[in-house]
Amino acid sequence: MKPLKTTAILFLTTILLWGCGHTAARYRPIVDGPMEQTYSADLAECQALAEKRSYLNDDVKTSALMGSGIGAVTGALSDGLEGGVVGAAAGVVLGASTRAWETRDERKSIVCKCMELRGHKVVEK
């Protein structure tokens, strides 16, 4: 029963991350003042730049590895080998998904900072 739960958790997390994959890179910040002719072109270029920050970056991989180790030890201490496997899988999911959510925020910040550097007055970040 536990391997089925672990598989379901991994599957649902993958679906959620995949569904949200481009949301932050496609962020449209609110700017103060008139939208000049360059706004649309600048926004498209900044969004493309934000997409270069991959969700499978080294930070996410490190968090997944650390979560796996912590989960494996915790699970093994409470339920032996089977608990260690389930704990490792849960740790991977929690570690990676938490760091991937932070990557989402980073992508949004990249769009805002890029727009500011191009002369647009970003009011909402």
Protein backbone atom coordinates (compact mmCIF):
# COMPACT_ATOMS: atom_id res chain seq x y z
CA MET A 1 0.00 0.00 0.00
CA LYS A 2 2.81 2.46 0.82
CA PRO A 3 4.49 2.19 -2.62
CA LEU A 4 1.13 3.05 -4.22
CA LYS A 5 0.82 6.17 -2.05
CA THR A 6 4.37 7.19 -2.89
CA THR A 7 3.74 6.74 -6.61
CA ALA A 8 0.53 8.77 -6.38
CA ILE A 9 2.30 11.59 -4.54
CA LEU A 10 5.11 11.68 -7.10
CA PHE A 11 2.62 11.65 -9.97
CA LEU A 12 0.49 14.48 -8.54
CA THR A 13 3.52 16.61 -7.76
CA THR A 14 4.82 16.16 -11.29
CA ILE A 15 1.45 17.15 -12.76
CA LEU A 16 1.24 20.25 -10.55
CA LEU A 17 4.76 21.39 -11.38
CA TRP A 18 4.22 20.76 -15.08
CA GLY A 19 0.97 22.74 -15.02
CA CYS A 20 2.58 25.73 -13.34
CA GLY A 21 5.77 25.51 -15.36
CA HIS A 22 5.45 28.73 -17.34
CA THR A 23 3.22 30.77 -15.09
CA ALA A 24 5.92 32.91 -13.50
CA ALA A 25 7.89 33.42 -16.69
CA ARG A 26 4.71 34.71 -18.35
CA TYR A 27 4.13 37.23 -15.56
CA ARG A 28 2.95 40.69 -16.66
CA PRO A 29 4.02 43.27 -14.07
CA ILE A 30 1.95 46.38 -13.46
CA VAL A 31 3.87 49.44 -14.58
CA ASP A 32 3.36 53.10 -13.71
CA GLY A 33 2.92 55.49 -16.57
CA PRO A 34 2.10 55.02 -20.21
CA MET A 35 2.97 51.79 -21.94
CA GLU A 36 5.41 52.88 -24.55
CA GLN A 37 5.80 51.17 -27.90
CA THR A 38 8.70 49.17 -26.54
CA TYR A 39 6.65 47.66 -23.67
CA SER A 40 5.42 44.58 -25.53
CA ALA A 41 8.80 43.80 -27.07
CA ASP A 42 10.60 44.36 -23.76
CA LEU A 43 8.08 42.17 -21.92
CA ALA A 44 8.47 39.34 -24.43
CA GLU A 45 12.27 39.48 -24.14
CA CYS A 46 12.16 39.59 -20.33
CA GLN A 47 9.75 36.66 -20.21
CA ALA A 48 12.04 34.66 -22.50
CA LEU A 49 14.95 35.51 -20.20
CA ALA A 50 12.98 34.31 -17.14
CA GLU A 51 12.26 30.98 -18.84
CA LYS A 52 16.00 30.30 -18.90
CA ARG A 53 15.80 29.78 -15.12
CA SER A 54 14.88 26.10 -15.31
CA TYR A 55 12.71 24.36 -12.74
CA LEU A 56 15.19 21.50 -12.78
CA ASN A 57 18.13 23.67 -11.74
CA ASP A 58 20.94 22.69 -9.39
CA ASP A 59 19.17 24.20 -6.37
CA VAL A 60 16.12 21.98 -6.94
CA LYS A 61 18.30 18.91 -7.40
CA THR A 62 20.21 19.67 -4.20
CA SER A 63 16.98 20.16 -2.23
CA ALA A 64 15.62 16.88 -3.61
CA LEU A 65 18.79 15.07 -2.60
CA MET A 66 18.79 16.56 0.88
CA GLY A 67 15.08 15.79 1.29
CA SER A 68 15.71 12.24 0.19
CA GLY A 69 18.45 11.75 2.76
CA ILE A 70 16.47 13.26 5.61
CA GLY A 71 13.33 11.34 4.61
CA ALA A 72 15.22 8.06 4.32
CA VAL A 73 16.78 8.39 7.76
CA THR A 74 13.53 9.47 9.39
CA GLY A 75 11.54 6.72 7.70
CA ALA A 76 14.12 4.06 8.49
CA LEU A 77 14.17 5.03 12.15
CA SER A 78 10.41 4.68 12.43
CA ASP A 79 9.60 1.80 10.03
CA GLY A 80 12.83 0.12 8.99
CA LEU A 81 13.84 -0.42 5.36
CA GLU A 82 10.36 0.03 3.90
CA GLY A 83 9.91 3.25 5.87
CA GLY A 84 13.28 4.44 4.63
CA VAL A 85 12.24 3.96 1.00
CA VAL A 86 8.93 5.73 1.52
CA GLY A 87 10.64 8.48 3.50
CA ALA A 88 13.23 8.98 0.76
CA ALA A 89 10.53 9.27 -1.90
CA ALA A 90 8.51 11.70 0.20
CA GLY A 91 11.66 13.71 0.93
CA VAL A 92 12.46 14.01 -2.77
CA VAL A 93 8.97 15.29 -3.49
CA LEU A 94 8.91 17.77 -0.62
CA GLY A 95 12.46 19.02 -1.17
CA ALA A 96 12.14 19.44 -4.92
CA SER A 97 8.65 20.94 -4.92
CA THR A 98 9.50 23.47 -2.21
CA ARG A 99 12.59 24.66 -4.09
CA ALA A 100 10.76 24.62 -7.42
CA TRP A 101 8.16 26.96 -5.91
CA GLU A 102 10.98 29.32 -4.95
CA THR A 103 12.23 29.10 -8.55
CA ARG A 104 8.78 30.24 -9.65
CA ASP A 105 9.21 33.38 -7.52
CA GLU A 106 12.69 33.88 -8.96
CA ARG A 107 11.29 33.80 -12.49
CA LYS A 108 8.74 36.45 -11.58
CA SER A 109 11.52 38.61 -10.10
CA ILE A 110 13.59 38.19 -13.25
CA VAL A 111 10.73 39.58 -15.35
CA CYS A 112 10.29 42.56 -13.01
CA LYS A 113 13.99 43.37 -12.71
CA CYS A 114 14.50 43.06 -16.47
CA MET A 115 11.60 45.44 -17.12
CA GLU A 116 12.98 47.92 -14.59
CA LEU A 117 16.40 47.80 -16.23
CA ARG A 118 14.73 48.61 -19.55
CA GLY A 119 13.22 51.77 -18.07
CA HIS A 120 9.73 50.61 -17.10
CA LYS A 121 8.48 51.66 -13.65
CA VAL A 122 7.30 48.38 -12.13
CA VAL A 123 4.90 48.94 -9.23
CA GLU A 124 3.82 45.40 -8.43
CA LYS A 125 6.25 42.56 -8.05
